[in-house]
Amino acid sequence: MANNGSSDGEGTLYQNGYCIKIDRQLKVETRQGTRLYVSVTGDIGFNEDGSEAYGAHVFSGLVGMFVLKPQGSGWEVESANPAMNAGASGKGLKDWKLIQVAPDKWGFINIHSDSHWVHSGSAFVLLTPDKSNIRRSWVEAKYEHSNGGSGSAGGCSNPDASTCTLLKAKLGVDKKTIINGFYPLEITLNGFEDDKVYKNKVYLIKYQPRLGYQVPNDYPMKDVSF
């Protein structure tokens, strides 16, 4: 049982049952020794009373991450967060990729996407170990919006700022710099919004202890979420 990403609007989080599978198990050699990075993912499968449940559009999938270190002939947990939300319509994101986020730390990355009538978008989801915990960072990657208020999302192929917003970002890791123990992310933004045009605009995203990667206040997609 875990939070399904929705609430009653007054702070009460709704829960569903998820069926969990291992998505990735990858060994990494660090200065502290071998570490096993594990990602798990889950789709909504049942309600609290045990009845079958389906992934409604507003529900999120589940993802978990563990970092294990050797202990005798087996492993023990060094960092863990078994139940985080990522993925639309109750489906957990699969095929997570491992990237280096610090000199001796790695994290899992994936892309979450969804569409709501005239809005569509996606976000980079990054899971990183922070002492005994795992932090989930959410960095918006694409946003498309038909400002005309009708029709469906996906019709902004021409840069007509009066009717459309279309922003796209690429993500990189600056391995020459360390801030708060982590490499910062570099986001390169292209697109248009209202009367603004972005062409290879670079934003630095720093890691904040106990919070994860936090986009700067001037990042155009800061308050967009899917």
C-alpha atoms as a PDB file:
ATOM      1  CA  MET A   1       0.000   0.000   0.000  1.00  0.00           C
ATOM      2  CA  ALA A   2       1.301   3.462  -0.904  1.00  0.00           C
ATOM      3  CA  ASN A   3       0.178   6.984  -1.740  1.00  0.00           C
ATOM      4  CA  ASN A   4      -1.219   7.108  -5.281  1.00  0.00           C
ATOM      5  CA  GLY A   5      -0.294  10.748  -5.934  1.00  0.00           C
ATOM      6  CA  SER A   6      -3.781  12.190  -5.368  1.00  0.00           C
ATOM      7  CA  SER A   7      -5.451  13.794  -2.361  1.00  0.00           C
ATOM      8  CA  ASP A   8      -8.774  15.190  -1.193  1.00  0.00           C
ATOM      9  CA  GLY A   9      -7.411  18.748  -1.475  1.00  0.00           C
ATOM     10  CA  GLU A  10      -7.157  19.130   2.286  1.00  0.00           C
ATOM     11  CA  GLY A  11      -3.924  17.230   2.849  1.00  0.00           C
ATOM     12  CA  THR A  12      -5.303  13.686   3.066  1.00  0.00           C
ATOM     13  CA  LEU A  13      -3.411  11.453   0.635  1.00  0.00           C
ATOM     14  CA  TYR A  14      -5.244   8.592  -1.040  1.00  0.00           C
ATOM     15  CA  GLN A  15      -3.662   5.139  -1.185  1.00  0.00           C
ATOM     16  CA  ASN A  16      -3.814   2.082  -3.387  1.00  0.00           C
ATOM     17  CA  GLY A  17      -2.060  -1.240  -3.539  1.00  0.00           C
ATOM     18  CA  TYR A  18       0.792  -1.648  -6.004  1.00  0.00           C
ATOM     19  CA  CYS A  19       2.263  -4.818  -7.475  1.00  0.00           C
ATOM     20  CA  ILE A  20       6.051  -4.341  -7.337  1.00  0.00           C
ATOM     21  CA  LYS A  21       8.730  -5.703  -9.664  1.00  0.00           C
ATOM     22  CA  ILE A  22      12.492  -5.180  -9.816  1.00  0.00           C
ATOM     23  CA  ASP A  23      13.339  -2.905 -12.747  1.00  0.00           C
ATOM     24  CA  ARG A  24      17.172  -2.630 -12.553  1.00  0.00           C
ATOM     25  CA  GLN A  25      20.034  -4.135 -10.510  1.00  0.00           C
ATOM     26  CA  LEU A  26      23.418  -2.596 -11.303  1.00  0.00           C
ATOM     27  CA  LYS A  27      26.742  -2.967  -9.458  1.00  0.00           C
ATOM     28  CA  VAL A  28      29.059   0.045  -9.213  1.00  0.00           C
ATOM     29  CA  GLU A  29      32.610   0.149  -7.868  1.00  0.00           C
ATOM     30  CA  THR A  30      33.247   3.150  -5.605  1.00  0.00           C
ATOM     31  CA  ARG A  31      36.042   4.250  -3.259  1.00  0.00           C
ATOM     32  CA  GLN A  32      33.911   2.847  -0.432  1.00  0.00           C
ATOM     33  CA  GLY A  33      33.634  -0.514  -2.184  1.00  0.00           C
ATOM     34  CA  THR A  34      31.007  -2.237  -4.295  1.00  0.00           C
ATOM     35  CA  ARG A  35      27.485  -0.833  -4.275  1.00  0.00           C
ATOM     36  CA  LEU A  36      24.367  -2.418  -5.741  1.00  0.00           C
ATOM     37  CA  TYR A  37      21.850   0.074  -7.147  1.00  0.00           C
ATOM     38  CA  VAL A  38      18.309  -1.278  -7.424  1.00  0.00           C
ATOM     39  CA  SER A  39      15.193   0.331  -8.871  1.00  0.00           C
ATOM     40  CA  VAL A  40      11.721  -1.145  -8.436  1.00  0.00           C
ATOM     41  CA  THR A  41       8.509  -0.100 -10.138  1.00  0.00           C
ATOM     42  CA  GLY A  42       4.835  -0.754  -9.554  1.00  0.00           C
ATOM     43  CA  ASP A  43       1.421  -0.418 -11.181  1.00  0.00           C
ATOM     44  CA  ILE A  44      -1.808   0.066  -9.232  1.00  0.00           C
ATOM     45  CA  GLY A  45      -3.373  -3.351  -8.709  1.00  0.00           C
ATOM     46  CA  PHE A  46      -5.819  -3.312  -5.781  1.00  0.00           C
ATOM     47  CA  ASN A  47      -7.747  -1.158  -3.336  1.00  0.00           C
ATOM     48  CA  GLU A  48      -7.342  -1.098   0.441  1.00  0.00           C
ATOM     49  CA  ASP A  49     -10.128  -3.666   0.793  1.00  0.00           C
ATOM     50  CA  GLY A  50      -8.326  -6.027  -1.581  1.00  0.00           C
ATOM     51  CA  SER A  51     -10.621  -5.479  -4.550  1.00  0.00           C
ATOM     52  CA  GLU A  52      -9.129  -4.987  -8.006  1.00  0.00           C
ATOM     53  CA  ALA A  53      -8.189  -1.399  -8.899  1.00  0.00           C
ATOM     54  CA  TYR A  54      -7.451   0.312 -12.176  1.00  0.00           C
ATOM     55  CA  GLY A  55      -5.040   3.156 -12.831  1.00  0.00           C
ATOM     56  CA  ALA A  56      -7.227   6.226 -13.167  1.00  0.00           C
ATOM     57  CA  HIS A  57      -5.705   9.123 -15.072  1.00  0.00           C
ATOM     58  CA  VAL A  58      -5.085  11.188 -11.919  1.00  0.00           C
ATOM     59  CA  PHE A  59      -3.227   8.372 -10.136  1.00  0.00           C
ATOM     60  CA  SER A  60       0.560   7.994 -10.257  1.00  0.00           C
ATOM     61  CA  GLY A  61       2.645   4.885 -10.625  1.00  0.00           C
ATOM     62  CA  LEU A  62       5.156   3.851  -8.000  1.00  0.00           C
ATOM     63  CA  VAL A  63       8.950   3.719  -8.040  1.00  0.00           C
ATOM     64  CA  GLY A  64      11.418   2.734  -5.343  1.00  0.00           C
ATOM     65  CA  MET A  65      15.195   2.842  -5.092  1.00  0.00           C
ATOM     66  CA  PHE A  66      17.721   1.048  -2.901  1.00  0.00           C
ATOM     67  CA  VAL A  67      21.493   1.301  -2.550  1.00  0.00           C
ATOM     68  CA  LEU A  68      22.986  -1.835  -0.979  1.00  0.00           C
ATOM     69  CA  LYS A  69      26.470  -2.474   0.372  1.00  0.00           C
ATOM     70  CA  PRO A  70      28.167  -5.845   1.017  1.00  0.00           C
ATOM     71  CA  GLN A  71      27.544  -7.485   4.368  1.00  0.00           C
ATOM     72  CA  GLY A  72      29.061 -10.917   4.875  1.00  0.00           C
ATOM     73  CA  SER A  73      27.872 -13.144   2.058  1.00  0.00           C
ATOM     74  CA  GLY A  74      24.934 -10.855   1.282  1.00  0.00           C
ATOM     75  CA  TRP A  75      23.901  -7.216   1.263  1.00  0.00           C
ATOM     76  CA  GLU A  76      22.546  -4.613   3.657  1.00  0.00           C
ATOM     77  CA  VAL A  77      20.661  -1.407   2.909  1.00  0.00           C
ATOM     78  CA  GLU A  78      22.696   1.802   2.832  1.00  0.00           C
ATOM     79  CA  SER A  79      20.065   4.140   1.324  1.00  0.00           C
ATOM     80  CA  ALA A  80      16.422   3.482   0.517  1.00  0.00           C
ATOM     81  CA  ASN A  81      13.057   4.935  -0.367  1.00  0.00           C
ATOM     82  CA  PRO A  82      10.722   2.145  -1.459  1.00  0.00           C
ATOM     83  CA  ALA A  83       7.630   4.182  -2.373  1.00  0.00           C
ATOM     84  CA  MET A  84       7.793   7.327  -4.506  1.00  0.00           C
ATOM     85  CA  ASN A  85       5.379   8.465  -7.214  1.00  0.00           C
ATOM     86  CA  ALA A  86       6.286   8.639 -10.917  1.00  0.00           C
ATOM     87  CA  GLY A  87       4.290   7.643 -13.970  1.00  0.00           C
ATOM     88  CA  ALA A  88       0.796   8.506 -15.218  1.00  0.00           C
ATOM     89  CA  SER A  89      -2.497   6.583 -15.055  1.00  0.00           C
ATOM     90  CA  GLY A  90      -1.300   4.394 -12.217  1.00  0.00           C
ATOM     91  CA  LYS A  91       1.570   2.905 -14.228  1.00  0.00           C
ATOM     92  CA  GLY A  92       5.089   2.980 -12.793  1.00  0.00           C
ATOM     93  CA  LEU A  93       7.895   4.207 -15.028  1.00  0.00           C
ATOM     94  CA  LYS A  94      10.089   1.389 -16.302  1.00  0.00           C
ATOM     95  CA  ASP A  95      13.591   1.048 -17.764  1.00  0.00           C
ATOM     96  CA  TRP A  96      15.347   3.448 -15.398  1.00  0.00           C
ATOM     97  CA  LYS A  97      18.873   4.502 -16.424  1.00  0.00           C
ATOM     98  CA  LEU A  98      21.796   4.921 -14.018  1.00  0.00           C
ATOM     99  CA  ILE A  99      23.854   8.124 -14.247  1.00  0.00           C
ATOM    100  CA  GLN A 100      26.675   9.500 -12.123  1.00  0.00           C
ATOM    101  CA  VAL A 101      25.562  12.437  -9.956  1.00  0.00           C
ATOM    102  CA  ALA A 102      28.654  12.849  -7.722  1.00  0.00           C
ATOM    103  CA  PRO A 103      32.241  11.526  -7.601  1.00  0.00           C
ATOM    104  CA  ASP A 104      31.076   8.426  -5.718  1.00  0.00           C
ATOM    105  CA  LYS A 105      27.305   8.485  -6.193  1.00  0.00           C
ATOM    106  CA  TRP A 106      24.931   7.428  -8.923  1.00  0.00           C
ATOM    107  CA  GLY A 107      21.230   7.976  -9.463  1.00  0.00           C
ATOM    108  CA  PHE A 108      18.406   6.617 -11.586  1.00  0.00           C
ATOM    109  CA  ILE A 109      16.775   8.827 -14.225  1.00  0.00           C
ATOM    110  CA  ASN A 110      13.625   8.518 -16.315  1.00  0.00           C
ATOM    111  CA  ILE A 111      11.033  10.702 -18.074  1.00  0.00           C
ATOM    112  CA  HIS A 112       7.472  11.141 -16.831  1.00  0.00           C
ATOM    113  CA  SER A 113       4.901  12.507 -19.284  1.00  0.00           C
ATOM    114  CA  ASP A 114       1.191  13.200 -19.373  1.00  0.00           C
ATOM    115  CA  SER A 115      -1.451  15.238 -21.209  1.00  0.00           C
ATOM    116  CA  HIS A 116      -4.444  17.225 -19.941  1.00  0.00           C
ATOM    117  CA  TRP A 117      -6.646  18.536 -22.743  1.00  0.00           C
ATOM    118  CA  VAL A 118      -4.788  21.621 -24.090  1.00  0.00           C
ATOM    119  CA  HIS A 119      -1.751  20.986 -21.885  1.00  0.00           C
ATOM    120  CA  SER A 120       0.912  18.321 -22.355  1.00  0.00           C
ATOM    121  CA  GLY A 121       4.348  17.936 -20.925  1.00  0.00           C
ATOM    122  CA  SER A 122       7.100  15.789 -19.518  1.00  0.00           C
ATOM    123  CA  ALA A 123       9.666  15.935 -16.749  1.00  0.00           C
ATOM    124  CA  PHE A 124      13.010  14.373 -15.914  1.00  0.00           C
ATOM    125  CA  VAL A 125      12.637  12.298 -12.740  1.00  0.00           C
ATOM    126  CA  LEU A 126      15.921  11.768 -10.925  1.00  0.00           C
ATOM    127  CA  LEU A 127      16.398   9.531  -7.878  1.00  0.00           C
ATOM    128  CA  THR A 128      19.559  10.156  -5.848  1.00  0.00           C
ATOM    129  CA  PRO A 129      20.950   8.741  -2.588  1.00  0.00           C
ATOM    130  CA  ASP A 130      21.215  11.284   0.234  1.00  0.00           C
ATOM    131  CA  LYS A 131      22.704   9.589   3.309  1.00  0.00           C
ATOM    132  CA  SER A 132      20.203   6.884   4.324  1.00  0.00           C
ATOM    133  CA  ASN A 133      17.393   8.282   2.180  1.00  0.00           C
ATOM    134  CA  ILE A 134      16.623   8.631  -1.523  1.00  0.00           C
ATOM    135  CA  ARG A 135      15.509  11.982  -2.923  1.00  0.00           C
ATOM    136  CA  ARG A 136      13.209  12.344  -5.909  1.00  0.00           C
ATOM    137  CA  SER A 137      13.941  15.395  -8.064  1.00  0.00           C
ATOM    138  CA  TRP A 138      11.487  16.649 -10.672  1.00  0.00           C
ATOM    139  CA  VAL A 139      12.846  18.823 -13.511  1.00  0.00           C
ATOM    140  CA  GLU A 140      10.379  19.866 -16.200  1.00  0.00           C
ATOM    141  CA  ALA A 141      11.583  18.802 -19.650  1.00  0.00           C
ATOM    142  CA  LYS A 142       8.814  19.842 -22.050  1.00  0.00           C
ATOM    143  CA  TYR A 143       5.652  21.929 -21.934  1.00  0.00           C
ATOM    144  CA  GLU A 144       3.160  22.464 -24.712  1.00  0.00           C
ATOM    145  CA  HIS A 145       0.042  24.561 -24.307  1.00  0.00           C
ATOM    146  CA  SER A 146      -2.569  25.802 -26.734  1.00  0.00           C
ATOM    147  CA  ASN A 147      -3.409  29.206 -25.302  1.00  0.00           C
ATOM    148  CA  GLY A 148      -6.526  29.385 -27.465  1.00  0.00           C
ATOM    149  CA  GLY A 149      -8.318  27.225 -24.901  1.00  0.00           C
ATOM    150  CA  SER A 150      -9.823  24.688 -27.281  1.00  0.00           C
ATOM    151  CA  GLY A 151      -8.761  21.631 -29.193  1.00  0.00           C
ATOM    152  CA  SER A 152      -6.130  19.238 -27.940  1.00  0.00           C
ATOM    153  CA  ALA A 153      -2.500  19.602 -26.929  1.00  0.00           C
ATOM    154  CA  GLY A 154       0.145  18.923 -29.537  1.00  0.00           C
ATOM    155  CA  GLY A 155      -0.720  21.619 -32.078  1.00  0.00           C
ATOM    156  CA  CYS A 156       2.150  24.044 -31.547  1.00  0.00           C
ATOM    157  CA  SER A 157       4.470  23.167 -34.400  1.00  0.00           C
ATOM    158  CA  ASN A 158       4.688  26.810 -35.515  1.00  0.00           C
ATOM    159  CA  PRO A 159       6.036  29.504 -33.158  1.00  0.00           C
ATOM    160  CA  ASP A 160       2.831  31.540 -32.913  1.00  0.00           C
ATOM    161  CA  ALA A 161       3.229  32.956 -29.415  1.00  0.00           C
ATOM    162  CA  SER A 162      -0.308  34.338 -29.363  1.00  0.00           C
ATOM    163  CA  THR A 163      -1.823  30.839 -29.449  1.00  0.00           C
ATOM    164  CA  CYS A 164       0.882  28.462 -28.305  1.00  0.00           C
ATOM    165  CA  THR A 165       3.605  27.779 -25.782  1.00  0.00           C
ATOM    166  CA  LEU A 166       6.235  25.213 -26.646  1.00  0.00           C
ATOM    167  CA  LEU A 167       9.293  24.701 -24.445  1.00  0.00           C
ATOM    168  CA  LYS A 168      11.794  21.829 -24.687  1.00  0.00           C
ATOM    169  CA  ALA A 169      14.805  21.110 -22.492  1.00  0.00           C
ATOM    170  CA  LYS A 170      17.854  18.864 -22.715  1.00  0.00           C
ATOM    171  CA  LEU A 171      19.624  17.670 -19.597  1.00  0.00           C
ATOM    172  CA  GLY A 172      23.348  17.334 -18.995  1.00  0.00           C
ATOM    173  CA  VAL A 173      25.581  16.797 -15.956  1.00  0.00           C
ATOM    174  CA  ASP A 174      28.433  19.220 -15.160  1.00  0.00           C
ATOM    175  CA  LYS A 175      31.094  16.825 -13.856  1.00  0.00           C
ATOM    176  CA  LYS A 176      33.668  19.619 -13.535  1.00  0.00           C
ATOM    177  CA  THR A 177      31.813  21.233 -10.629  1.00  0.00           C
ATOM    178  CA  ILE A 178      30.697  19.950  -7.222  1.00  0.00           C
ATOM    179  CA  ILE A 179      28.054  21.820  -5.202  1.00  0.00           C
ATOM    180  CA  ASN A 180      26.821  20.414  -1.881  1.00  0.00           C
ATOM    181  CA  GLY A 181      28.577  17.161  -2.730  1.00  0.00           C
ATOM    182  CA  PHE A 182      26.806  16.645  -6.068  1.00  0.00           C
ATOM    183  CA  TYR A 183      27.401  17.554  -9.693  1.00  0.00           C
ATOM    184  CA  PRO A 184      24.980  20.278 -10.845  1.00  0.00           C
ATOM    185  CA  LEU A 185      22.675  19.640 -13.768  1.00  0.00           C
ATOM    186  CA  GLU A 186      22.724  21.774 -16.893  1.00  0.00           C
ATOM    187  CA  ILE A 187      19.407  22.364 -18.633  1.00  0.00           C
ATOM    188  CA  THR A 188      19.484  23.746 -22.181  1.00  0.00           C
ATOM    189  CA  LEU A 189      16.129  25.294 -23.078  1.00  0.00           C
ATOM    190  CA  ASN A 190      14.666  26.062 -26.492  1.00  0.00           C
ATOM    191  CA  GLY A 191      11.204  27.256 -27.513  1.00  0.00           C
ATOM    192  CA  PHE A 192       8.781  30.119 -27.137  1.00  0.00           C
ATOM    193  CA  GLU A 193       6.314  31.419 -24.585  1.00  0.00           C
ATOM    194  CA  ASP A 194       4.202  34.548 -25.030  1.00  0.00           C
ATOM    195  CA  ASP A 195       6.600  37.097 -26.536  1.00  0.00           C
ATOM    196  CA  LYS A 196       9.752  35.339 -25.316  1.00  0.00           C
ATOM    197  CA  VAL A 197      11.934  33.087 -27.454  1.00  0.00           C
ATOM    198  CA  TYR A 198      14.537  30.797 -25.860  1.00  0.00           C
ATOM    199  CA  LYS A 199      17.482  29.581 -27.923  1.00  0.00           C
ATOM    200  CA  ASN A 200      19.978  27.329 -26.151  1.00  0.00           C
ATOM    201  CA  LYS A 201      19.353  29.109 -22.848  1.00  0.00           C
ATOM    202  CA  VAL A 202      21.322  27.286 -20.123  1.00  0.00           C
ATOM    203  CA  TYR A 203      20.125  26.937 -16.512  1.00  0.00           C
ATOM    204  CA  LEU A 204      22.217  25.477 -13.687  1.00  0.00           C
ATOM    205  CA  ILE A 205      20.296  23.227 -11.304  1.00  0.00           C
ATOM    206  CA  LYS A 206      21.994  22.680  -7.956  1.00  0.00           C
ATOM    207  CA  TYR A 207      21.485  19.882  -5.470  1.00  0.00           C
ATOM    208  CA  GLN A 208      20.112  20.957  -2.111  1.00  0.00           C
ATOM    209  CA  PRO A 209      20.704  18.609   0.868  1.00  0.00           C
ATOM    210  CA  ARG A 210      17.527  16.835   2.023  1.00  0.00           C
ATOM    211  CA  LEU A 211      15.599  18.358  -0.918  1.00  0.00           C
ATOM    212  CA  GLY A 212      17.244  17.094  -4.104  1.00  0.00           C
ATOM    213  CA  TYR A 213      17.837  19.052  -7.291  1.00  0.00           C
ATOM    214  CA  GLN A 214      15.935  22.351  -7.211  1.00  0.00           C
ATOM    215  CA  VAL A 215      15.252  24.349 -10.371  1.00  0.00           C
ATOM    216  CA  PRO A 216      15.984  28.097 -10.099  1.00  0.00           C
ATOM    217  CA  ASN A 217      13.104  30.549  -9.718  1.00  0.00           C
ATOM    218  CA  ASP A 218      13.645  31.978 -13.206  1.00  0.00           C
ATOM    219  CA  TYR A 219      13.312  28.616 -14.944  1.00  0.00           C
ATOM    220  CA  PRO A 220      10.277  29.086 -17.266  1.00  0.00           C
ATOM    221  CA  MET A 221       8.798  25.654 -16.510  1.00  0.00           C
ATOM    222  CA  LYS A 222       9.343  25.802 -12.734  1.00  0.00           C
ATOM    223  CA  ASP A 223       5.651  25.679 -11.805  1.00  0.00           C
ATOM    224  CA  VAL A 224       4.566  23.233 -14.512  1.00  0.00           C
ATOM    225  CA  SER A 225       3.938  19.650 -13.392  1.00  0.00           C
ATOM    226  CA  PHE A 226       2.550  16.514 -14.989  1.00  0.00           C
END
